[in-house]
Amino acid sequence: MAFRGHYEHNLDSKDRLTVPARFRAALADGVVLCAGLDPCVEVYPTADYVRFEQQVLSELNPLSRNGRMMRRRFHGRSHDENLDSAGRIRIPQHLITHAELAEGPCEVIGVADHLELWNTEAWASHDAEIDATAAEIAEELAGGTGG
């Protein structure tokens, strides 16, 4: 299943987020929560996170300093979780701090193979940046000069 869309949900007083109903079946076998490179929490189905690890992290040279640092960053800031009977996931405090989340509204963004949880204000700013630069980025990528 591809994760698409933008949803406003709430983080409750017990640090739980109700997953949008349409995604619950895809996440029923468990999730991996991790600190994104941007100020967000990434939510992967466990199998997709394993593929991410194999595709990206296993390619890093464990003898290089940067390889060790990136492996530590991703593995040390990730957390296995399961949906509860109400379709909620508990977000660990270190990830709440990373994404500057608080009790109340937050944004749930679909990003193809995973979801991202964003602070509402941070998402608004980031989304505006995306809109302001999307055409330029598309042109750069089309020309083969982008990353």
C-alpha atoms as a PDB file:
ATOM      1  CA  MET A   1       0.000   0.000   0.000  1.00  0.00           C
ATOM      2  CA  ALA A   2       1.250   3.478  -0.823  1.00  0.00           C
ATOM      3  CA  PHE A   3       0.871   6.055   1.935  1.00  0.00           C
ATOM      4  CA  ARG A   4      -0.592   9.225   0.450  1.00  0.00           C
ATOM      5  CA  GLY A   5      -2.346  12.293   1.744  1.00  0.00           C
ATOM      6  CA  HIS A   6      -2.246  14.846   4.513  1.00  0.00           C
ATOM      7  CA  TYR A   7      -4.229  14.341   7.717  1.00  0.00           C
ATOM      8  CA  GLU A   8      -4.595  16.335  10.904  1.00  0.00           C
ATOM      9  CA  HIS A   9      -4.689  14.136  13.993  1.00  0.00           C
ATOM     10  CA  ASN A  10      -4.009  14.654  17.671  1.00  0.00           C
ATOM     11  CA  LEU A  11      -1.328  13.441  20.027  1.00  0.00           C
ATOM     12  CA  ASP A  12      -3.113  12.598  23.270  1.00  0.00           C
ATOM     13  CA  SER A  13      -1.967  13.154  26.849  1.00  0.00           C
ATOM     14  CA  LYS A  14      -0.465   9.634  26.930  1.00  0.00           C
ATOM     15  CA  ASP A  15       1.713  10.330  23.828  1.00  0.00           C
ATOM     16  CA  ARG A  16      -0.492   8.237  21.552  1.00  0.00           C
ATOM     17  CA  LEU A  17      -1.472   9.099  18.004  1.00  0.00           C
ATOM     18  CA  THR A  18      -4.516   7.610  16.311  1.00  0.00           C
ATOM     19  CA  VAL A  19      -3.403   6.354  12.897  1.00  0.00           C
ATOM     20  CA  PRO A  20      -5.680   7.350  10.010  1.00  0.00           C
ATOM     21  CA  ALA A  21      -8.156   4.485   9.579  1.00  0.00           C
ATOM     22  CA  ARG A  22      -7.237   3.791   5.946  1.00  0.00           C
ATOM     23  CA  PHE A  23      -3.634   2.912   6.973  1.00  0.00           C
ATOM     24  CA  ARG A  24      -4.287   0.686   9.973  1.00  0.00           C
ATOM     25  CA  ALA A  25      -4.406  -2.604   8.062  1.00  0.00           C
ATOM     26  CA  ALA A  26      -1.042  -1.846   6.420  1.00  0.00           C
ATOM     27  CA  LEU A  27       0.457  -1.201   9.869  1.00  0.00           C
ATOM     28  CA  ALA A  28      -1.267  -4.063  11.705  1.00  0.00           C
ATOM     29  CA  ASP A  29       1.887  -6.207  11.823  1.00  0.00           C
ATOM     30  CA  GLY A  30       3.817  -3.508  13.663  1.00  0.00           C
ATOM     31  CA  VAL A  31       5.696  -0.324  12.912  1.00  0.00           C
ATOM     32  CA  VAL A  32       9.130   1.144  13.295  1.00  0.00           C
ATOM     33  CA  LEU A  33       9.189   4.746  14.446  1.00  0.00           C
ATOM     34  CA  CYS A  34      12.352   6.692  13.756  1.00  0.00           C
ATOM     35  CA  ALA A  35      13.698  10.223  13.893  1.00  0.00           C
ATOM     36  CA  GLY A  36      13.607  11.644  10.389  1.00  0.00           C
ATOM     37  CA  LEU A  37      16.449  13.677   8.963  1.00  0.00           C
ATOM     38  CA  ASP A  38      13.900  16.506   8.897  1.00  0.00           C
ATOM     39  CA  PRO A  39      12.188  17.417  12.202  1.00  0.00           C
ATOM     40  CA  CYS A  40       9.565  14.671  11.990  1.00  0.00           C
ATOM     41  CA  VAL A  41       8.865  11.128  13.146  1.00  0.00           C
ATOM     42  CA  GLU A  42       8.871   8.550  10.352  1.00  0.00           C
ATOM     43  CA  VAL A  43       6.453   5.629  10.706  1.00  0.00           C
ATOM     44  CA  TYR A  44       7.276   2.542   8.613  1.00  0.00           C
ATOM     45  CA  PRO A  45       5.561  -0.815   8.441  1.00  0.00           C
ATOM     46  CA  THR A  46       8.158  -3.149   9.944  1.00  0.00           C
ATOM     47  CA  ALA A  47       8.827  -4.970   6.652  1.00  0.00           C
ATOM     48  CA  ASP A  48       9.376  -1.677   4.804  1.00  0.00           C
ATOM     49  CA  TYR A  49      11.822  -0.463   7.432  1.00  0.00           C
ATOM     50  CA  VAL A  50      13.743  -3.729   7.076  1.00  0.00           C
ATOM     51  CA  ARG A  51      13.928  -3.076   3.307  1.00  0.00           C
ATOM     52  CA  PHE A  52      15.141   0.476   4.001  1.00  0.00           C
ATOM     53  CA  GLU A  53      17.836  -0.902   6.311  1.00  0.00           C
ATOM     54  CA  GLN A  54      18.953  -3.413   3.700  1.00  0.00           C
ATOM     55  CA  GLN A  55      18.885  -0.914   0.838  1.00  0.00           C
ATOM     56  CA  VAL A  56      20.542   2.043   2.550  1.00  0.00           C
ATOM     57  CA  LEU A  57      22.116   1.190   5.882  1.00  0.00           C
ATOM     58  CA  SER A  58      23.652  -2.157   4.948  1.00  0.00           C
ATOM     59  CA  GLU A  59      25.544  -0.393   2.142  1.00  0.00           C
ATOM     60  CA  LEU A  60      27.363   1.806   4.647  1.00  0.00           C
ATOM     61  CA  ASN A  61      30.915   0.768   5.427  1.00  0.00           C
ATOM     62  CA  PRO A  62      30.988  -0.122   9.151  1.00  0.00           C
ATOM     63  CA  LEU A  63      34.712   0.672   9.200  1.00  0.00           C
ATOM     64  CA  SER A  64      34.183   4.278   8.116  1.00  0.00           C
ATOM     65  CA  ARG A  65      33.376   6.908  10.715  1.00  0.00           C
ATOM     66  CA  ASN A  66      30.450   8.293   8.697  1.00  0.00           C
ATOM     67  CA  GLY A  67      29.056   4.798   8.128  1.00  0.00           C
ATOM     68  CA  ARG A  68      29.140   4.065  11.864  1.00  0.00           C
ATOM     69  CA  MET A  69      27.596   7.422  12.695  1.00  0.00           C
ATOM     70  CA  MET A  70      24.680   7.021  10.278  1.00  0.00           C
ATOM     71  CA  ARG A  71      23.981   3.462  11.415  1.00  0.00           C
ATOM     72  CA  ARG A  72      23.937   4.658  15.036  1.00  0.00           C
ATOM     73  CA  ARG A  73      21.735   7.599  14.142  1.00  0.00           C
ATOM     74  CA  PHE A  74      19.092   5.467  12.463  1.00  0.00           C
ATOM     75  CA  HIS A  75      19.210   2.423  14.753  1.00  0.00           C
ATOM     76  CA  GLY A  76      19.673   4.356  17.989  1.00  0.00           C
ATOM     77  CA  ARG A  77      16.765   6.664  17.226  1.00  0.00           C
ATOM     78  CA  SER A  78      14.277   4.047  16.107  1.00  0.00           C
ATOM     79  CA  HIS A  79      11.669   2.205  18.107  1.00  0.00           C
ATOM     80  CA  ASP A  80       9.426  -0.816  17.448  1.00  0.00           C
ATOM     81  CA  GLU A  81       5.755  -0.341  18.258  1.00  0.00           C
ATOM     82  CA  ASN A  82       2.368  -1.950  17.639  1.00  0.00           C
ATOM     83  CA  LEU A  83      -1.046  -0.430  17.081  1.00  0.00           C
ATOM     84  CA  ASP A  84      -3.345  -0.848  20.053  1.00  0.00           C
ATOM     85  CA  SER A  85      -6.957  -2.027  19.745  1.00  0.00           C
ATOM     86  CA  ALA A  86      -8.067   1.571  19.015  1.00  0.00           C
ATOM     87  CA  GLY A  87      -5.567   1.993  16.152  1.00  0.00           C
ATOM     88  CA  ARG A  88      -3.138   4.150  18.129  1.00  0.00           C
ATOM     89  CA  ILE A  89       0.644   4.100  18.390  1.00  0.00           C
ATOM     90  CA  ARG A  90       2.604   5.405  21.344  1.00  0.00           C
ATOM     91  CA  ILE A  91       5.329   7.861  20.400  1.00  0.00           C
ATOM     92  CA  PRO A  92       8.449   7.660  22.615  1.00  0.00           C
ATOM     93  CA  GLN A  93       9.504  10.887  24.306  1.00  0.00           C
ATOM     94  CA  HIS A  94      12.821  11.145  22.433  1.00  0.00           C
ATOM     95  CA  LEU A  95      10.905  11.192  19.133  1.00  0.00           C
ATOM     96  CA  ILE A  96       8.355  13.706  20.432  1.00  0.00           C
ATOM     97  CA  THR A  97      11.267  15.962  21.363  1.00  0.00           C
ATOM     98  CA  HIS A  98      12.976  15.462  17.986  1.00  0.00           C
ATOM     99  CA  ALA A  99       9.842  16.480  16.058  1.00  0.00           C
ATOM    100  CA  GLU A 100       8.793  19.146  18.580  1.00  0.00           C
ATOM    101  CA  LEU A 101       5.404  17.491  18.960  1.00  0.00           C
ATOM    102  CA  ALA A 102       3.077  18.318  21.830  1.00  0.00           C
ATOM    103  CA  GLU A 103      -0.305  17.195  23.050  1.00  0.00           C
ATOM    104  CA  GLY A 104      -2.861  18.331  20.509  1.00  0.00           C
ATOM    105  CA  PRO A 105      -2.869  18.690  16.738  1.00  0.00           C
ATOM    106  CA  CYS A 106      -0.116  17.303  14.550  1.00  0.00           C
ATOM    107  CA  GLU A 107       0.157  16.553  10.850  1.00  0.00           C
ATOM    108  CA  VAL A 108       0.307  13.040   9.386  1.00  0.00           C
ATOM    109  CA  ILE A 109       1.833  13.078   5.907  1.00  0.00           C
ATOM    110  CA  GLY A 110       1.895  10.131   3.499  1.00  0.00           C
ATOM    111  CA  VAL A 111       5.285   9.671   1.803  1.00  0.00           C
ATOM    112  CA  ALA A 112       4.791   6.547  -0.356  1.00  0.00           C
ATOM    113  CA  ASP A 113       6.477   3.864   1.781  1.00  0.00           C
ATOM    114  CA  HIS A 114       5.966   5.530   5.169  1.00  0.00           C
ATOM    115  CA  LEU A 115       4.108   8.196   7.119  1.00  0.00           C
ATOM    116  CA  GLU A 116       5.647  11.278   8.713  1.00  0.00           C
ATOM    117  CA  LEU A 117       4.401  13.009  11.867  1.00  0.00           C
ATOM    118  CA  TRP A 118       5.040  16.755  11.951  1.00  0.00           C
ATOM    119  CA  ASN A 119       4.500  19.627  14.340  1.00  0.00           C
ATOM    120  CA  THR A 120       1.728  21.697  12.719  1.00  0.00           C
ATOM    121  CA  GLU A 121       3.743  24.918  12.471  1.00  0.00           C
ATOM    122  CA  ALA A 122       6.898  23.144  11.277  1.00  0.00           C
ATOM    123  CA  TRP A 123       4.881  21.355   8.581  1.00  0.00           C
ATOM    124  CA  ALA A 124       3.284  24.613   7.388  1.00  0.00           C
ATOM    125  CA  SER A 125       6.728  26.176   7.006  1.00  0.00           C
ATOM    126  CA  HIS A 126       8.204  23.107   5.295  1.00  0.00           C
ATOM    127  CA  ASP A 127       5.214  22.744   2.986  1.00  0.00           C
ATOM    128  CA  ALA A 128       5.543  26.407   1.958  1.00  0.00           C
ATOM    129  CA  GLU A 129       9.225  25.773   1.187  1.00  0.00           C
ATOM    130  CA  ILE A 130       8.247  22.760  -0.932  1.00  0.00           C
ATOM    131  CA  ASP A 131       5.733  24.846  -2.873  1.00  0.00           C
ATOM    132  CA  ALA A 132       8.217  27.683  -3.372  1.00  0.00           C
ATOM    133  CA  THR A 133      10.962  25.424  -4.732  1.00  0.00           C
ATOM    134  CA  ALA A 134       9.115  22.505  -6.376  1.00  0.00           C
ATOM    135  CA  ALA A 135       9.379  23.775  -9.954  1.00  0.00           C
ATOM    136  CA  GLU A 136      13.081  24.548  -9.560  1.00  0.00           C
ATOM    137  CA  ILE A 137      13.775  21.150  -7.993  1.00  0.00           C
ATOM    138  CA  ALA A 138      11.786  19.362 -10.734  1.00  0.00           C
ATOM    139  CA  GLU A 139      13.776  21.185 -13.412  1.00  0.00           C
ATOM    140  CA  GLU A 140      17.053  20.290 -11.716  1.00  0.00           C
ATOM    141  CA  LEU A 141      16.060  16.633 -11.389  1.00  0.00           C
ATOM    142  CA  ALA A 142      14.859  16.498 -14.996  1.00  0.00           C
ATOM    143  CA  GLY A 143      18.233  17.810 -16.130  1.00  0.00           C
ATOM    144  CA  GLY A 144      20.044  15.089 -14.228  1.00  0.00           C
ATOM    145  CA  THR A 145      21.946  17.552 -12.039  1.00  0.00           C
ATOM    146  CA  GLY A 146      19.899  17.066  -8.870  1.00  0.00           C
ATOM    147  CA  GLY A 147      20.237  14.629  -5.996  1.00  0.00           C
END
